Amino acid sequence: MNNPKFVIQVSKGLIRDQSARRTLMFYSVLAALVLLFAGSTFLSGLLDPHEHPFLVLAYWAGCAWITLLAVLLALYDMAKVRGDVRRERRRLERELIEKAKSENPDDPHPR
């Protein structure tokens, strides 16, 4: 696990695969919600900012990092889906134009 190239390859695989990316988003949102709930209820005595300021800071920074991970993955997923739709639309338009040209070769402006 200490090899940075391995970590980068695994990260690329998780980001590029839609199913893995959405599963990662689901579990990161779930983890953020559980940590938020636990920090506000069960761990409120342990996470007293006057007694353990660095522990509180580290805990809530971890919650923020997991939440940011989920948000960034969601934004990437939206951009990826929009790009895929745009690419597919262009492919279908080219296919329809080629089909119209082959059916009616005399028409200079196919519809």
C-alpha atoms as a PDB file:
ATOM      1  CA  MET A   1       0.000   0.000   0.000  1.00  0.00           C
ATOM      2  CA  ASN A   2       2.989   2.376   0.280  1.00  0.00           C
ATOM      3  CA  ASN A   3       3.410   2.537  -3.469  1.00  0.00           C
ATOM      4  CA  PRO A   4       1.936   5.861  -4.703  1.00  0.00           C
ATOM      5  CA  LYS A   5       1.446   4.540  -8.236  1.00  0.00           C
ATOM      6  CA  PHE A   6      -0.789   1.780  -6.895  1.00  0.00           C
ATOM      7  CA  VAL A   7      -2.897   4.284  -4.946  1.00  0.00           C
ATOM      8  CA  ILE A   8      -3.235   6.504  -8.022  1.00  0.00           C
ATOM      9  CA  GLN A   9      -4.300   3.563 -10.215  1.00  0.00           C
ATOM     10  CA  VAL A  10      -6.919   2.433  -7.682  1.00  0.00           C
ATOM     11  CA  SER A  11      -8.220   5.999  -7.404  1.00  0.00           C
ATOM     12  CA  LYS A  12      -8.498   6.311 -11.180  1.00  0.00           C
ATOM     13  CA  GLY A  13     -10.361   3.014 -11.324  1.00  0.00           C
ATOM     14  CA  LEU A  14     -12.842   4.134  -8.669  1.00  0.00           C
ATOM     15  CA  ILE A  15     -13.435   7.461 -10.383  1.00  0.00           C
ATOM     16  CA  ARG A  16     -13.758   6.139 -13.937  1.00  0.00           C
ATOM     17  CA  ASP A  17     -16.174   3.296 -13.192  1.00  0.00           C
ATOM     18  CA  GLN A  18     -19.671   4.742 -12.821  1.00  0.00           C
ATOM     19  CA  SER A  19     -20.935   1.999 -10.526  1.00  0.00           C
ATOM     20  CA  ALA A  20     -17.903   2.193  -8.236  1.00  0.00           C
ATOM     21  CA  ARG A  21     -18.073   6.003  -8.203  1.00  0.00           C
ATOM     22  CA  ARG A  22     -21.739   6.028  -7.215  1.00  0.00           C
ATOM     23  CA  THR A  23     -21.193   3.345  -4.582  1.00  0.00           C
ATOM     24  CA  LEU A  24     -18.356   5.419  -3.144  1.00  0.00           C
ATOM     25  CA  MET A  25     -20.614   8.492  -3.136  1.00  0.00           C
ATOM     26  CA  PHE A  26     -23.361   6.594  -1.311  1.00  0.00           C
ATOM     27  CA  TYR A  27     -21.065   5.285   1.397  1.00  0.00           C
ATOM     28  CA  SER A  28     -19.289   8.609   1.857  1.00  0.00           C
ATOM     29  CA  VAL A  29     -22.614  10.421   2.348  1.00  0.00           C
ATOM     30  CA  LEU A  30     -23.735   7.671   4.726  1.00  0.00           C
ATOM     31  CA  ALA A  31     -20.478   7.927   6.697  1.00  0.00           C
ATOM     32  CA  ALA A  32     -20.764  11.720   6.879  1.00  0.00           C
ATOM     33  CA  LEU A  33     -24.323  11.475   8.186  1.00  0.00           C
ATOM     34  CA  VAL A  34     -23.382   8.859  10.790  1.00  0.00           C
ATOM     35  CA  LEU A  35     -20.383  10.911  11.949  1.00  0.00           C
ATOM     36  CA  LEU A  36     -22.489  14.076  12.110  1.00  0.00           C
ATOM     37  CA  PHE A  37     -25.175  12.315  14.151  1.00  0.00           C
ATOM     38  CA  ALA A  38     -22.655  10.614  16.450  1.00  0.00           C
ATOM     39  CA  GLY A  39     -20.676  13.807  16.983  1.00  0.00           C
ATOM     40  CA  SER A  40     -23.805  15.727  17.864  1.00  0.00           C
ATOM     41  CA  THR A  41     -25.275  13.111  20.215  1.00  0.00           C
ATOM     42  CA  PHE A  42     -23.208  10.202  21.528  1.00  0.00           C
ATOM     43  CA  LEU A  43     -19.780  11.778  21.341  1.00  0.00           C
ATOM     44  CA  SER A  44     -20.756  15.252  22.550  1.00  0.00           C
ATOM     45  CA  GLY A  45     -19.246  14.563  26.004  1.00  0.00           C
ATOM     46  CA  LEU A  46     -15.980  13.279  24.535  1.00  0.00           C
ATOM     47  CA  LEU A  47     -15.805  16.075  21.978  1.00  0.00           C
ATOM     48  CA  ASP A  48     -15.828  18.946  24.474  1.00  0.00           C
ATOM     49  CA  PRO A  49     -13.924  21.774  22.778  1.00  0.00           C
ATOM     50  CA  HIS A  50     -12.640  23.142  26.101  1.00  0.00           C
ATOM     51  CA  GLU A  51     -11.078  19.838  27.161  1.00  0.00           C
ATOM     52  CA  HIS A  52      -9.892  18.394  23.838  1.00  0.00           C
ATOM     53  CA  PRO A  53      -9.702  21.155  21.214  1.00  0.00           C
ATOM     54  CA  PHE A  54      -7.431  19.222  18.828  1.00  0.00           C
ATOM     55  CA  LEU A  55      -9.602  16.103  18.994  1.00  0.00           C
ATOM     56  CA  VAL A  56     -12.697  18.165  18.195  1.00  0.00           C
ATOM     57  CA  LEU A  57     -10.902  19.898  15.338  1.00  0.00           C
ATOM     58  CA  ALA A  58      -9.634  16.604  13.907  1.00  0.00           C
ATOM     59  CA  TYR A  59     -13.055  14.931  14.216  1.00  0.00           C
ATOM     60  CA  TRP A  60     -14.970  17.703  12.473  1.00  0.00           C
ATOM     61  CA  ALA A  61     -12.230  18.140   9.866  1.00  0.00           C
ATOM     62  CA  GLY A  62     -12.629  14.432   9.072  1.00  0.00           C
ATOM     63  CA  CYS A  63     -16.384  14.915   8.732  1.00  0.00           C
ATOM     64  CA  ALA A  64     -15.826  17.899   6.448  1.00  0.00           C
ATOM     65  CA  TRP A  65     -13.311  15.952   4.342  1.00  0.00           C
ATOM     66  CA  ILE A  66     -15.748  13.059   3.835  1.00  0.00           C
ATOM     67  CA  THR A  67     -18.538  15.502   2.952  1.00  0.00           C
ATOM     68  CA  LEU A  68     -16.273  17.325   0.497  1.00  0.00           C
ATOM     69  CA  LEU A  69     -15.347  13.980  -1.064  1.00  0.00           C
ATOM     70  CA  ALA A  70     -19.028  13.192  -1.643  1.00  0.00           C
ATOM     71  CA  VAL A  71     -19.720  16.649  -3.113  1.00  0.00           C
ATOM     72  CA  LEU A  72     -16.736  16.524  -5.470  1.00  0.00           C
ATOM     73  CA  LEU A  73     -17.637  13.013  -6.628  1.00  0.00           C
ATOM     74  CA  ALA A  74     -21.210  14.153  -7.284  1.00  0.00           C
ATOM     75  CA  LEU A  75     -20.020  17.158  -9.301  1.00  0.00           C
ATOM     76  CA  TYR A  76     -17.663  14.956 -11.298  1.00  0.00           C
ATOM     77  CA  ASP A  77     -20.459  12.447 -11.898  1.00  0.00           C
ATOM     78  CA  MET A  78     -22.783  15.181 -13.170  1.00  0.00           C
ATOM     79  CA  ALA A  79     -20.110  16.523 -15.522  1.00  0.00           C
ATOM     80  CA  LYS A  80     -19.289  13.011 -16.759  1.00  0.00           C
ATOM     81  CA  VAL A  81     -22.947  12.183 -17.423  1.00  0.00           C
ATOM     82  CA  ARG A  82     -23.461  15.473 -19.283  1.00  0.00           C
ATOM     83  CA  GLY A  83     -20.371  14.816 -21.401  1.00  0.00           C
ATOM     84  CA  ASP A  84     -21.519  11.277 -22.186  1.00  0.00           C
ATOM     85  CA  VAL A  85     -24.966  12.529 -23.216  1.00  0.00           C
ATOM     86  CA  ARG A  86     -23.426  15.229 -25.426  1.00  0.00           C
ATOM     87  CA  ARG A  87     -21.101  12.693 -27.082  1.00  0.00           C
ATOM     88  CA  GLU A  88     -23.962  10.237 -27.668  1.00  0.00           C
ATOM     89  CA  ARG A  89     -26.182  12.994 -29.119  1.00  0.00           C
ATOM     90  CA  ARG A  90     -23.457  13.949 -31.609  1.00  0.00           C
ATOM     91  CA  ARG A  91     -22.968  10.305 -32.575  1.00  0.00           C
ATOM     92  CA  LEU A  92     -26.706   9.846 -33.151  1.00  0.00           C
ATOM     93  CA  GLU A  93     -26.907  13.048 -35.212  1.00  0.00           C
ATOM     94  CA  ARG A  94     -24.028  11.884 -37.423  1.00  0.00           C
ATOM     95  CA  GLU A  95     -25.677   8.485 -37.774  1.00  0.00           C
ATOM     96  CA  LEU A  96     -29.007  10.048 -38.785  1.00  0.00           C
ATOM     97  CA  ILE A  97     -27.318  12.360 -41.285  1.00  0.00           C
ATOM     98  CA  GLU A  98     -25.429   9.452 -42.861  1.00  0.00           C
ATOM     99  CA  LYS A  99     -28.643   7.417 -43.007  1.00  0.00           C
ATOM    100  CA  ALA A 100     -30.525  10.293 -44.642  1.00  0.00           C
ATOM    101  CA  LYS A 101     -27.711  10.764 -47.176  1.00  0.00           C
ATOM    102  CA  SER A 102     -27.687   7.102 -48.076  1.00  0.00           C
ATOM    103  CA  GLU A 103     -31.490   6.973 -48.490  1.00  0.00           C
ATOM    104  CA  ASN A 104     -31.699  10.125 -50.580  1.00  0.00           C
ATOM    105  CA  PRO A 105     -28.349  10.904 -52.264  1.00  0.00           C
ATOM    106  CA  ASP A 106     -29.838  13.642 -54.547  1.00  0.00           C
ATOM    107  CA  ASP A 107     -30.947  15.873 -51.652  1.00  0.00           C
ATOM    108  CA  PRO A 108     -28.122  18.358 -50.840  1.00  0.00           C
ATOM    109  CA  HIS A 109     -29.646  19.270 -47.449  1.00  0.00           C
ATOM    110  CA  PRO A 110     -30.769  16.183 -45.530  1.00  0.00           C
ATOM    111  CA  ARG A 111     -33.126  16.777 -42.611  1.00  0.00           C
END
